[in-house]
């Protein structure tokens, strides 16, 4: 009897081990990669400065008329816009790269007008060749699919996979002839001057069928058997690489950590080294994590930063869900996105800010400009991360969802419909961004209210924040600072930074660690030094030569700021002496 029980026990153990091995090899391994597979991710690329500017889009109409109305409305109401994203359905069939001329009768002229306004244009795409599509003008494309499959262009062969936009197969990136065919179709819009792709997350559908309810996450390609993860890497890396061949500042927008199924991709969708711009998609117009709201987006963005992704954001206000976006939610989401690398204002729901409440228009415009002003600061850390330094966003263990944004800014996002927020300040000296004359000792928790037009952001005392000031909305500077590099300086210990210029040419080393002295070394640019000085100086000089008050420098007692302006691209040592 005992002997029989031992045999049964051995059989049970073998069955469990076999099943576990099968699940690991067929499901976990191809999706997760080898455990602790950090070599899958390289260093993040340098995201061009234009992609750090605010993006806009809408997903309710998607026509040339609605797209141009959106762009023109934002510009007429003086919002900064760096890029317009045109989502699906813009083509005749998904991924045939032929404009639907009923929706977009003159795409060439539309893109040219956007370029004349200084905007970049990004188009949605996936890796599917569909036999049937929904929402597009041509919905039955069985012949197109069969032709591609017959020529061996599809990684899944004749297998048809259902996805949220229809049915089809996946382009085989390992087949040189398939790639030539695919690039030939893409070239039709690339020649129009587009600047990037939104690579929606369809590479996860790659598979070799299923065993009952269990998907077989290995499939056949032209080059041999490949895992789902391997195909995902081809999708993101190959599309990004080809885009860069057409335009040096081309970007791909891809998912990092998934906000719908965050447990499904613990390494992220796209490899970090092929991810210049990332978003956590398909959040809802809600607050709570369990409802896929703002808190879910926040959590996934910080998880993405922990993995190593650098420029990350989410659809402001949530991508979809419910007929309306609550005003407070929209404002708080925009404020959070101001301190993300990627500022993406769009999705379902009313996105024309001039048709929303006056309060939303005013506050979100102000924060949009603040994000735009911070591009030189963000770009500096983007370059540093590409060279092995920390990502732009650095989650902290202390506090709930708190993170450093670069070296000098601490952000504690509001993720509930409340003005109250506890902020755990790390040790050191800090200042509140919206009232920065008083020093706050760190190493403690602050419990206070933040009115709807303010946000829990603290600046480290001893900070150098390079900015691009072009408007008065944020109260930092004025329009006549346009064209100059603004250095927002809090002198003291640690107040030093090597600024990487956004055009990629040269750097400027700033040193404000010594009292009454600011050193600039490197490539000069016209600049504005905005320096926190408690009292008005009685003299200001550069390299020992006196500067003229009212012409070269001014002092604003209300903000306790010394403002030194140079229209010349000079460097050197500025000194200022306090009144006696």
Protein backbone atom coordinates (compact mmCIF):
# COMPACT_ATOMS: atom_id res chain seq x y z
CA UNK A 1 0.00 0.00 0.00
CA UNK A 2 2.78 2.40 0.93
CA UNK A 3 4.63 1.46 -2.22
CA UNK A 4 1.56 2.26 -4.34
CA UNK A 5 1.13 5.64 -2.63
CA UNK A 6 4.76 6.47 -3.38
CA UNK A 7 4.21 5.65 -7.05
CA UNK A 8 1.10 7.85 -7.17
CA UNK A 9 2.98 10.66 -5.45
CA UNK A 10 5.84 10.40 -7.95
CA UNK A 11 3.37 10.52 -10.85
CA UNK A 12 1.65 13.59 -9.38
CA UNK A 13 4.99 15.36 -8.91
CA UNK A 14 6.03 14.53 -12.47
CA UNK A 15 2.72 15.78 -13.87
CA UNK A 16 2.98 19.03 -11.91
CA UNK A 17 6.62 19.51 -12.93
CA UNK A 18 5.81 18.78 -16.58
CA UNK A 19 2.85 21.16 -16.56
CA UNK A 20 4.94 23.83 -14.83
CA UNK A 21 7.74 23.45 -17.35
CA UNK A 22 5.24 23.62 -20.21
CA UNK A 23 3.65 26.79 -18.88
CA UNK A 24 7.06 28.33 -18.28
CA UNK A 25 8.44 27.50 -21.73
CA UNK A 26 5.27 28.19 -23.71
CA UNK A 27 3.82 31.12 -21.78
CA UNK A 28 6.12 32.82 -19.27
CA UNK A 29 9.43 32.59 -21.08
CA UNK A 30 8.31 34.12 -24.39
CA UNK A 31 6.38 36.90 -22.69
CA UNK A 32 8.72 37.80 -19.87
CA UNK A 33 12.00 36.87 -21.44
CA UNK A 34 14.65 35.03 -19.46
CA UNK A 35 14.18 35.85 -15.77
CA UNK A 36 16.07 39.00 -14.84
CA UNK A 37 16.72 39.50 -18.55
CA UNK A 38 18.13 42.98 -18.19
CA UNK A 39 20.23 42.61 -21.32
CA UNK A 40 17.02 42.97 -23.31
CA UNK A 41 17.01 46.66 -22.41
CA UNK A 42 19.79 48.95 -23.51
CA UNK A 43 20.18 52.61 -22.62
CA UNK A 44 17.31 54.91 -23.64
CA UNK A 45 17.82 56.90 -26.85
CA UNK A 46 18.05 60.68 -26.95
CA UNK A 47 14.51 61.94 -27.39
CA UNK A 48 14.58 65.05 -29.61
CA UNK A 49 13.49 68.25 -27.93
CA UNK A 50 10.44 68.66 -30.16
CA UNK A 51 8.94 65.45 -28.75
CA UNK A 52 9.20 66.86 -25.21
CA UNK A 53 6.84 69.70 -26.16
CA UNK A 54 3.07 69.19 -25.60
CA UNK A 55 1.24 66.86 -27.99
CA UNK A 56 -2.48 67.06 -28.82
CA UNK A 57 -4.94 64.66 -30.45
CA UNK A 58 -8.56 63.51 -30.48
CA UNK A 59 -10.15 60.13 -31.12
CA UNK A 60 -13.85 60.86 -31.60
CA UNK A 61 -13.95 62.20 -35.17
CA UNK A 62 -10.51 61.79 -36.81
CA UNK A 63 -10.99 63.79 -39.98
CA UNK A 64 -8.96 66.49 -41.65
CA UNK A 65 -11.55 69.07 -40.60
CA UNK A 66 -11.55 68.03 -36.94
CA UNK A 67 -7.75 67.72 -36.84
CA UNK A 68 -7.20 71.18 -38.30
CA UNK A 69 -9.89 72.64 -36.03
CA UNK A 70 -8.11 71.15 -33.02
CA UNK A 71 -4.70 72.51 -34.02
CA UNK A 72 -5.97 75.95 -35.01
CA UNK A 73 -8.06 76.24 -31.85
CA UNK A 74 -5.14 75.44 -29.57
CA UNK A 75 -2.88 77.92 -31.36
CA UNK A 76 -5.55 80.65 -31.45
CA UNK A 77 -6.00 80.26 -27.69
CA UNK A 78 -2.22 80.49 -27.24
CA UNK A 79 -1.40 76.95 -26.17
CA UNK A 80 2.07 75.58 -26.89
CA UNK A 81 1.80 72.67 -29.34
CA UNK A 82 4.81 70.65 -30.43
CA UNK A 83 3.07 67.79 -32.25
CA UNK A 84 -0.28 66.66 -33.59
CA UNK A 85 -0.98 62.94 -33.34
CA UNK A 86 -3.41 61.53 -35.91
CA UNK A 87 -4.81 58.23 -34.66
CA UNK A 88 -6.83 55.58 -36.48
CA UNK A 89 -8.67 55.40 -38.76
CA UNK A 90 -6.75 57.70 -41.12
CA UNK A 91 -6.02 55.13 -43.86
CA UNK A 92 -8.18 53.18 -46.33
CA UNK A 93 -7.29 49.91 -44.58
CA UNK A 94 -5.31 49.60 -41.40
CA UNK A 95 -1.62 49.82 -42.26
CA UNK A 96 -1.88 50.17 -46.02
CA UNK A 97 -0.55 53.73 -45.50
CA UNK A 98 -2.95 55.16 -48.09
CA UNK A 99 -4.86 58.16 -46.79
CA UNK A 100 -8.63 57.85 -46.71
CA UNK A 101 -9.37 60.80 -49.00
CA UNK A 102 -12.93 61.02 -47.73
CA UNK A 103 -11.74 61.69 -44.20
CA UNK A 104 -8.56 63.52 -45.23
CA UNK A 105 -9.11 64.97 -48.72
CA UNK A 106 -5.82 66.92 -48.82
CA UNK A 107 -3.32 65.31 -46.42
CA UNK A 108 -0.30 66.78 -48.21
CA UNK A 109 -1.61 70.32 -47.83
CA UNK A 110 -2.72 69.65 -44.24
CA UNK A 111 0.75 68.42 -43.24
CA UNK A 112 2.37 71.37 -45.00
CA UNK A 113 0.18 73.81 -43.06
CA UNK A 114 1.06 72.10 -39.78
CA UNK A 115 4.76 72.35 -40.63
CA UNK A 116 4.40 76.04 -41.42
CA UNK A 117 2.97 76.49 -37.92
CA UNK A 118 6.00 74.74 -36.43
CA UNK A 119 4.26 71.45 -35.57
CA UNK A 120 5.45 67.90 -36.00
CA UNK A 121 3.08 65.19 -37.31
CA UNK A 122 2.82 61.65 -35.90
CA UNK A 123 0.64 58.88 -37.39
CA UNK A 124 -0.84 55.77 -35.75
CA UNK A 125 0.15 52.35 -37.10
CA UNK A 126 0.42 48.68 -36.07
CA UNK A 127 2.12 45.57 -37.48
CA UNK A 128 -1.11 43.96 -38.80
CA UNK A 129 -2.11 43.22 -42.38
CA UNK A 130 -5.86 42.81 -42.09
CA UNK A 131 -8.33 40.67 -43.97
CA UNK A 132 -11.14 42.62 -42.39
CA UNK A 133 -11.11 45.97 -40.62
CA UNK A 134 -13.63 47.99 -38.73
CA UNK A 135 -13.96 51.78 -38.96
CA UNK A 136 -11.92 52.04 -42.16
CA UNK A 137 -13.32 52.94 -45.58
CA UNK A 138 -12.28 49.54 -46.98
CA UNK A 139 -13.42 46.95 -44.46
CA UNK A 140 -13.14 43.78 -46.54
CA UNK A 141 -9.49 43.33 -47.54
CA UNK A 142 -9.33 39.52 -47.80
CA UNK A 143 -7.51 39.70 -51.15
CA UNK A 144 -4.84 41.98 -49.67
CA UNK A 145 -4.28 39.60 -46.79
CA UNK A 146 -4.18 36.51 -49.05
CA UNK A 147 -1.64 38.13 -51.37
CA UNK A 148 0.67 39.01 -48.46
CA UNK A 149 0.30 35.54 -46.94
CA UNK A 150 0.92 33.81 -50.27
CA UNK A 151 4.17 35.72 -50.75
CA UNK A 152 5.38 34.76 -47.29
CA UNK A 153 5.19 38.31 -45.95
CA UNK A 154 3.28 37.39 -42.78
CA UNK A 155 4.94 35.91 -39.72
CA UNK A 156 1.82 33.94 -38.91
CA UNK A 157 1.33 32.60 -42.46
CA UNK A 158 -2.34 32.02 -43.29
CA UNK A 159 -3.32 32.16 -39.62
CA UNK A 160 -5.72 34.99 -38.89
CA UNK A 161 -5.66 36.66 -35.50
CA UNK A 162 -8.55 38.68 -34.16
CA UNK A 163 -7.62 41.99 -32.55
CA UNK A 164 -9.55 45.08 -31.54
CA UNK A 165 -9.50 46.54 -35.06
CA UNK A 166 -10.50 43.39 -36.97
CA UNK A 167 -8.65 40.25 -38.17
CA UNK A 168 -5.35 39.70 -39.92
CA UNK A 169 -1.74 38.58 -39.75
CA UNK A 170 1.51 40.16 -38.62
CA UNK A 171 4.17 41.49 -40.98
CA UNK A 172 7.31 39.32 -40.88
CA UNK A 173 10.20 41.63 -40.00
CA UNK A 174 12.70 38.81 -40.57
CA UNK A 175 11.78 38.41 -44.27
CA UNK A 176 13.75 40.94 -46.36
CA UNK A 177 11.18 40.92 -49.17
CA UNK A 178 8.35 41.50 -46.71
CA UNK A 179 10.22 44.44 -45.24
CA UNK A 180 10.78 45.96 -48.70
CA UNK A 181 7.05 45.66 -49.40
CA UNK A 182 6.15 47.15 -46.01
CA UNK A 183 8.63 50.04 -46.27
CA UNK A 184 7.40 50.78 -49.77
CA UNK A 185 3.89 51.35 -48.43
CA UNK A 186 5.16 53.44 -45.51
CA UNK A 187 7.22 55.58 -47.86
CA UNK A 188 4.03 57.10 -49.28
CA UNK A 189 3.45 59.04 -46.05
CA UNK A 190 7.07 59.37 -44.96
CA UNK A 191 7.73 61.42 -48.10
CA UNK A 192 5.02 63.82 -46.93
CA UNK A 193 7.22 64.71 -43.99
CA UNK A 194 5.72 62.90 -41.01
CA UNK A 195 7.91 62.85 -37.92
CA UNK A 196 6.94 59.68 -36.08
CA UNK A 197 4.75 56.64 -35.57
CA UNK A 198 2.47 55.79 -32.72
CA UNK A 199 3.21 52.07 -32.49
CA UNK A 200 0.10 50.65 -30.90
CA UNK A 201 0.62 47.49 -28.86
CA UNK A 202 -0.34 44.76 -31.32
CA UNK A 203 2.93 42.81 -31.38
CA UNK A 204 1.68 40.97 -28.30
CA UNK A 205 -0.73 39.09 -30.59
CA UNK A 206 2.13 37.13 -32.16
CA UNK A 207 1.62 33.43 -31.42
CA UNK A 208 1.53 29.98 -32.97
CA UNK A 209 -2.06 29.16 -32.09
CA UNK A 210 -3.31 27.85 -28.75
CA UNK A 211 -3.69 24.69 -26.72
CA UNK A 212 -7.22 25.04 -25.43
CA UNK A 213 -7.30 28.27 -23.44
CA UNK A 214 -3.48 28.47 -23.30
CA UNK A 215 -1.89 30.58 -26.10
CA UNK A 216 1.26 29.14 -27.64
CA UNK A 217 3.57 32.13 -27.46
CA UNK A 218 6.00 30.84 -30.05
CA UNK A 219 5.48 31.14 -33.77
CA UNK A 220 7.11 30.57 -37.13
CA UNK A 221 8.81 33.36 -39.06
CA UNK A 222 10.89 33.44 -42.23
CA UNK A 223 14.05 33.16 -40.10
CA UNK A 224 12.74 30.39 -37.83
CA UNK A 225 10.83 29.92 -34.59
CA UNK A 226 10.44 33.09 -32.54
CA UNK A 227 8.88 33.97 -29.19
CA UNK A 228 6.25 36.63 -28.68
CA UNK A 229 8.83 38.74 -26.88
CA UNK A 230 11.25 38.34 -29.77
CA UNK A 231 8.62 39.56 -32.22
CA UNK A 232 7.78 42.52 -29.98
CA UNK A 233 11.42 43.54 -29.98
CA UNK A 234 11.53 43.39 -33.79
CA UNK A 235 8.42 45.54 -34.07
CA UNK A 236 9.68 48.35 -31.86
CA UNK A 237 13.35 48.25 -32.79
CA UNK A 238 12.90 47.84 -36.54
CA UNK A 239 10.29 50.57 -36.90
CA UNK A 240 12.34 53.01 -34.82
CA UNK A 241 15.55 52.19 -36.72
CA UNK A 242 13.89 52.66 -40.10
CA UNK A 243 12.32 55.94 -39.00
CA UNK A 244 15.72 57.29 -38.00
CA UNK A 245 17.03 56.40 -41.45
CA UNK A 246 14.42 58.68 -42.99
CA UNK A 247 14.77 61.54 -40.50
CA UNK A 248 17.39 61.98 -37.73
CA UNK A 249 14.82 63.31 -35.24
CA UNK A 250 12.18 60.68 -35.99
CA UNK A 251 10.39 59.26 -32.95
CA UNK A 252 8.27 56.23 -32.18
CA UNK A 253 5.64 56.41 -29.47
CA UNK A 254 5.25 53.06 -27.78
CA UNK A 255 3.95 51.51 -24.59
CA UNK A 256 6.18 50.94 -21.62
CA UNK A 257 4.42 49.23 -18.70
CA UNK A 258 0.82 48.40 -19.59
CA UNK A 259 -1.86 50.24 -17.65
CA UNK A 260 -4.55 47.72 -18.64
CA UNK A 261 -2.70 44.54 -17.66
CA UNK A 262 0.32 45.75 -15.67
CA UNK A 263 1.13 42.19 -14.59
CA UNK A 264 1.35 40.96 -18.18
CA UNK A 265 4.52 42.75 -19.22
CA UNK A 266 6.82 43.20 -16.24
CA UNK A 267 9.67 44.21 -18.56
CA UNK A 268 7.52 46.62 -20.56
CA UNK A 269 6.27 46.39 -24.13
CA UNK A 270 9.08 48.09 -26.04
CA UNK A 271 12.81 47.68 -25.36
CA UNK A 272 14.08 50.76 -23.53
CA UNK A 273 16.73 51.39 -26.20
CA UNK A 274 14.00 51.69 -28.87
CA UNK A 275 11.67 53.87 -26.79
CA UNK A 276 12.18 57.60 -27.33
CA UNK A 277 8.58 58.33 -26.24
CA UNK A 278 6.37 56.08 -24.09
CA UNK A 279 2.80 56.15 -22.87
CA UNK A 280 0.74 53.97 -20.56
CA UNK A 281 -2.44 53.63 -22.51
CA UNK A 282 -6.18 53.17 -22.25
CA UNK A 283 -6.80 54.79 -18.89
CA UNK A 284 -10.30 56.00 -18.08
CA UNK A 285 -11.79 59.33 -17.03
CA UNK A 286 -11.57 58.22 -13.40
CA UNK A 287 -9.43 58.80 -10.32
CA UNK A 288 -9.03 55.32 -8.83
CA UNK A 289 -6.50 52.65 -9.71
CA UNK A 290 -9.15 49.93 -9.71
CA UNK A 291 -11.13 51.91 -12.29
CA UNK A 292 -8.04 52.39 -14.50
CA UNK A 293 -7.97 56.07 -13.66
CA UNK A 294 -5.31 58.64 -12.86
CA UNK A 295 -3.82 56.57 -10.05
CA UNK A 296 -3.36 53.60 -12.42
CA UNK A 297 -1.56 55.81 -14.93
CA UNK A 298 0.60 57.27 -12.18
CA UNK A 299 1.52 53.86 -10.82
CA UNK A 300 2.40 52.45 -14.23
CA UNK A 301 4.45 55.50 -15.19
CA UNK A 302 6.53 55.17 -12.03
CA UNK A 303 6.86 51.41 -12.57
CA UNK A 304 8.09 52.19 -16.09
CA UNK A 305 10.64 54.66 -14.75
CA UNK A 306 11.87 51.99 -12.31
CA UNK A 307 12.53 49.64 -15.23
CA UNK A 308 14.54 52.35 -17.02
CA UNK A 309 12.12 54.04 -19.43
CA UNK A 310 12.94 57.71 -19.69
CA UNK A 311 10.26 59.84 -21.40
CA UNK A 312 6.89 58.58 -20.19
CA UNK A 313 3.35 59.96 -20.04
CA UNK A 314 -0.35 59.17 -20.33
CA UNK A 315 -3.45 60.50 -22.04
CA UNK A 316 -4.35 63.56 -19.97
CA UNK A 317 -7.80 63.12 -18.47
CA UNK A 318 -7.80 59.44 -19.45
CA UNK A 319 -8.23 57.93 -22.90
CA UNK A 320 -11.91 56.98 -22.58
CA UNK A 321 -14.77 56.05 -20.26
CA UNK A 322 -17.95 57.94 -19.48
CA UNK A 323 -19.48 60.79 -21.44
CA UNK A 324 -17.55 63.57 -19.70
CA UNK A 325 -14.11 64.23 -18.27
CA UNK A 326 -14.58 65.80 -14.79
CA UNK A 327 -12.98 69.25 -14.67
CA UNK A 328 -10.92 68.67 -11.53
CA UNK A 329 -9.64 65.37 -12.91
CA UNK A 330 -8.60 66.99 -16.19
CA UNK A 331 -6.74 69.77 -14.35
CA UNK A 332 -4.95 67.49 -11.90
CA UNK A 333 -3.98 65.07 -14.70
CA UNK A 334 -2.55 67.97 -16.73
CA UNK A 335 -0.61 69.19 -13.70
CA UNK A 336 0.87 65.73 -13.16
CA UNK A 337 1.74 65.48 -16.87
CA UNK A 338 3.57 68.79 -16.67
CA UNK A 339 6.18 66.94 -14.64
CA UNK A 340 6.34 63.90 -16.93
CA UNK A 341 8.63 63.74 -19.93
CA UNK A 342 5.66 63.13 -22.24
CA UNK A 343 2.75 65.61 -22.20
CA UNK A 344 -0.06 63.99 -24.22
CA UNK A 345 -3.39 65.83 -24.23
CA UNK A 346 -5.93 63.75 -26.11
CA UNK A 347 -8.21 60.75 -26.46
CA UNK A 348 -11.98 60.44 -26.30
CA UNK A 349 -14.05 63.24 -24.82
CA UNK A 350 -14.00 66.98 -25.42
CA UNK A 351 -10.40 68.03 -26.05
CA UNK A 352 -11.07 71.51 -27.39
CA UNK A 353 -10.09 73.45 -24.30
CA UNK A 354 -11.98 76.56 -25.41
CA UNK A 355 -15.21 74.53 -25.22
CA UNK A 356 -14.51 73.37 -21.69
CA UNK A 357 -14.75 75.55 -18.57
CA UNK A 358 -12.85 78.86 -18.40
CA UNK A 359 -11.03 77.53 -15.33
CA UNK A 360 -9.77 74.46 -17.20
CA UNK A 361 -8.70 76.60 -20.16
CA UNK A 362 -6.72 78.99 -17.99
CA UNK A 363 -5.06 76.48 -15.66
CA UNK A 364 -4.24 73.81 -18.26
CA UNK A 365 -2.83 76.46 -20.60
CA UNK A 366 -0.60 77.73 -17.79
CA UNK A 367 0.69 74.23 -17.02
CA UNK A 368 1.12 73.43 -20.71
CA UNK A 369 3.41 76.43 -20.94
CA UNK A 370 5.26 75.39 -17.79
CA UNK A 371 5.93 71.98 -19.33
CA UNK A 372 7.16 73.67 -22.52
CA UNK A 373 9.36 76.01 -20.49
CA UNK A 374 10.97 73.01 -18.79
CA UNK A 375 12.06 71.36 -22.07
CA UNK A 376 15.74 72.45 -21.69
CA UNK A 377 15.74 70.99 -18.16
CA UNK A 378 14.14 67.72 -19.32
CA UNK A 379 16.40 67.46 -22.37
CA UNK A 380 19.51 67.71 -20.21
CA UNK A 381 18.42 64.66 -18.23
CA UNK A 382 17.31 62.83 -21.38
CA UNK A 383 20.85 63.11 -22.73
CA UNK A 384 22.36 62.09 -19.40
CA UNK A 385 20.15 58.99 -19.22
CA UNK A 386 21.23 58.00 -22.74
CA UNK A 387 24.79 57.98 -21.39
CA UNK A 388 24.01 55.74 -18.43
CA UNK A 389 22.73 58.19 -15.81
CA UNK A 390 19.40 57.88 -13.99
CA UNK A 391 16.12 58.32 -15.91
CA UNK A 392 14.35 61.66 -15.89
CA UNK A 393 11.77 60.37 -13.37
CA UNK A 394 13.16 58.69 -10.22
CA UNK A 395 10.55 57.08 -7.93
CA UNK A 396 11.23 57.49 -4.21
CA UNK A 397 10.64 54.97 -1.45
CA UNK A 398 9.50 57.73 0.89
CA UNK A 399 5.95 59.03 0.46
CA UNK A 400 3.13 57.78 -1.74
CA UNK A 401 3.89 57.94 -5.48
CA UNK A 402 6.56 60.59 -4.93
CA UNK A 403 9.40 61.00 -7.40
CA UNK A 404 12.30 63.22 -8.32
CA UNK A 405 12.03 64.93 -11.69
CA UNK A 406 15.66 65.39 -12.59
CA UNK A 407 18.01 66.26 -9.74
CA UNK A 408 16.21 69.31 -8.44
CA UNK A 409 12.41 68.88 -8.48
CA UNK A 410 10.35 66.72 -6.11
CA UNK A 411 6.81 65.89 -7.27
CA UNK A 412 4.05 64.38 -5.10
CA UNK A 413 1.11 63.89 -7.51
CA UNK A 414 -2.47 64.44 -6.40
CA UNK A 415 -4.40 61.27 -7.30
CA UNK A 416 -7.65 61.85 -5.40
CA UNK A 417 -10.29 64.56 -5.83
CA UNK A 418 -8.99 66.46 -2.83
CA UNK A 419 -6.78 69.46 -2.20
CA UNK A 420 -5.11 67.74 0.76
CA UNK A 421 -1.83 65.89 0.21
CA UNK A 422 0.87 64.62 2.53
CA UNK A 423 4.38 65.16 1.17
CA UNK A 424 7.43 63.47 2.65
CA UNK A 425 10.38 65.79 2.08
CA UNK A 426 13.75 64.02 1.87
CA UNK A 427 16.56 65.39 4.05
CA UNK A 428 18.00 68.70 2.93
CA UNK A 429 16.63 72.15 2.22
CA UNK A 430 13.63 72.61 -0.06
CA UNK A 431 11.41 75.39 -1.40
CA UNK A 432 7.80 75.24 -2.55
CA UNK A 433 7.74 75.89 -6.31
CA UNK A 434 4.76 78.26 -6.14
CA UNK A 435 6.09 80.28 -3.19
CA UNK A 436 9.82 79.74 -3.19
CA UNK A 437 11.30 82.47 -0.99
CA UNK A 438 11.09 80.46 2.25
CA UNK A 439 13.40 77.50 2.93
CA UNK A 440 11.73 74.32 4.23
CA UNK A 441 13.82 71.85 6.19
CA UNK A 442 13.51 68.31 4.84
CA UNK A 443 13.33 65.03 6.66
CA UNK A 444 9.69 65.48 7.62
CA UNK A 445 6.13 65.12 6.37
CA UNK A 446 4.17 68.15 5.25
CA UNK A 447 0.38 67.96 5.46
CA UNK A 448 -1.26 70.83 3.63
CA UNK A 449 -3.82 71.78 1.03
CA UNK A 450 -2.97 72.57 -2.58
CA UNK A 451 -5.61 74.72 -4.29
CA UNK A 452 -6.67 73.66 -7.76
CA UNK A 453 -4.27 76.08 -9.47
CA UNK A 454 -1.23 74.83 -7.49
CA UNK A 455 0.50 71.45 -7.28
CA UNK A 456 2.81 69.66 -4.80
CA UNK A 457 6.16 70.46 -6.41
CA UNK A 458 9.26 71.30 -4.38
CA UNK A 459 12.61 72.56 -5.64
CA UNK A 460 15.83 71.58 -3.95
CA UNK A 461 17.63 74.58 -2.49
CA UNK A 462 20.77 74.88 -4.58
CA UNK A 463 19.20 74.22 -7.98
CA UNK A 464 19.95 75.19 -11.55
CA UNK A 465 16.91 74.81 -13.83
CA UNK A 466 17.43 75.66 -17.51
CA UNK A 467 14.22 76.88 -19.12
CA UNK A 468 12.77 78.30 -22.33
CA UNK A 469 10.55 81.24 -21.36
CA UNK A 470 8.30 82.65 -24.08
CA UNK A 471 5.17 83.77 -22.22
CA UNK A 472 4.04 85.34 -18.94
CA UNK A 473 1.53 82.65 -17.91
CA UNK A 474 3.73 80.94 -15.33
CA UNK A 475 4.96 84.17 -13.73
CA UNK A 476 8.62 83.28 -14.29
CA UNK A 477 9.46 85.59 -17.17
CA UNK A 478 8.09 87.39 -20.21
CA UNK A 479 7.82 87.23 -24.00
CA UNK A 480 10.97 89.26 -24.54
CA UNK A 481 12.98 86.37 -23.04
CA UNK A 482 12.11 84.33 -26.14
CA UNK A 483 15.21 83.15 -27.97
CA UNK A 484 17.36 83.14 -24.84
CA UNK A 485 18.29 80.34 -22.48
CA UNK A 486 16.81 81.11 -19.07
CA UNK A 487 18.75 79.79 -16.08
CA UNK A 488 16.48 79.71 -13.04
CA UNK A 489 19.04 79.61 -10.23
CA UNK A 490 18.78 78.97 -6.51
CA UNK A 491 22.39 79.63 -5.40
CA UNK A 492 24.03 77.43 -2.79
CA UNK A 493 25.43 73.97 -2.21
CA UNK A 494 24.85 71.74 -5.21
CA UNK A 495 23.84 74.56 -7.56
CA UNK A 496 25.80 73.28 -10.54
CA UNK A 497 24.67 71.69 -13.81
CA UNK A 498 25.99 70.92 -17.26
CA UNK A 499 23.22 72.02 -19.61
CA UNK A 500 22.85 70.09 -22.88
CA UNK A 501 21.50 72.35 -25.60
CA UNK A 502 18.28 71.13 -27.19
CA UNK A 503 19.63 71.45 -30.73
CA UNK A 504 22.35 68.97 -29.76
CA UNK A 505 25.28 71.36 -30.25
CA UNK A 506 27.47 71.90 -27.24
CA UNK A 507 26.95 72.26 -23.51
CA UNK A 508 27.12 74.99 -20.90
CA UNK A 509 28.47 74.36 -17.40
CA UNK A 510 26.76 76.46 -14.76
CA UNK A 511 28.21 76.90 -11.27
CA UNK A 512 26.33 78.90 -8.64
CA UNK A 513 27.72 77.17 -5.56
CA UNK A 514 29.66 80.18 -4.27
CA UNK A 515 27.88 83.21 -2.75
CA UNK A 516 27.60 86.14 -5.13
CA UNK A 517 29.16 84.28 -8.06
CA UNK A 518 27.79 82.48 -11.12
CA UNK A 519 30.19 80.87 -13.54
CA UNK A 520 29.30 79.99 -17.13
CA UNK A 521 31.75 77.82 -19.07
CA UNK A 522 31.37 76.18 -22.45
CA UNK A 523 29.35 77.14 -25.52
CA UNK A 524 27.72 80.52 -25.00
CA UNK A 525 24.14 81.41 -25.86
CA UNK A 526 22.07 84.56 -25.37
CA UNK A 527 20.73 84.08 -21.87
CA UNK A 528 18.76 85.30 -18.90
CA UNK A 529 19.97 84.56 -15.38
CA UNK A 530 17.05 84.57 -12.95
CA UNK A 531 18.73 84.34 -9.56
CA UNK A 532 17.09 84.10 -6.14
CA UNK A 533 18.77 86.89 -4.14
CA UNK A 534 17.18 88.06 -0.85
CA UNK A 535 18.34 91.68 -1.21
CA UNK A 536 19.00 93.95 -4.14
CA UNK A 537 22.69 93.99 -5.13
CA UNK A 538 24.48 97.30 -5.35
CA UNK A 539 26.68 96.12 -8.21
CA UNK A 540 26.65 93.40 -10.88
CA UNK A 541 29.60 92.54 -13.13
CA UNK A 542 30.71 90.02 -15.72
CA UNK A 543 34.40 89.13 -15.74
CA UNK A 544 35.04 92.21 -13.63
CA UNK A 545 33.30 94.65 -16.00
CA UNK A 546 30.37 96.47 -14.40
CA UNK A 547 26.94 95.88 -15.88
CA UNK A 548 24.34 98.65 -16.08
CA UNK A 549 21.23 98.50 -13.95
CA UNK A 550 18.06 98.82 -15.99
CA UNK A 551 19.87 97.77 -19.16
CA UNK A 552 21.83 94.64 -18.29
CA UNK A 553 20.18 93.76 -14.99
CA UNK A 554 17.12 94.45 -12.85
CA UNK A 555 15.95 93.43 -9.41
CA UNK A 556 12.37 92.49 -8.51
CA UNK A 557 11.83 92.78 -4.77
CA UNK A 558 8.45 90.99 -4.91
CA UNK A 559 9.98 87.75 -6.20
CA UNK A 560 13.46 88.42 -4.70
CA UNK A 561 14.96 87.90 -8.16
CA UNK A 562 18.04 89.35 -9.76
CA UNK A 563 17.57 89.17 -13.53
CA UNK A 564 20.67 89.49 -15.71
CA UNK A 565 20.13 89.58 -19.47
CA UNK A 566 22.66 89.08 -22.25
CA UNK A 567 21.70 89.26 -25.91
CA UNK A 568 25.21 88.05 -26.76
CA UNK A 569 26.31 84.38 -26.67
CA UNK A 570 28.88 85.02 -23.95
CA UNK A 571 30.27 83.01 -21.06
CA UNK A 572 32.31 84.09 -18.08
CA UNK A 573 31.87 84.82 -14.38
CA UNK A 574 29.04 86.98 -13.09
CA UNK A 575 29.43 88.53 -9.66
CA UNK A 576 26.95 90.48 -7.60
CA UNK A 577 27.40 92.24 -4.25
CA UNK A 578 24.62 92.74 -1.73
CA UNK A 579 23.79 96.19 -0.46
CA UNK A 580 25.63 97.25 2.69
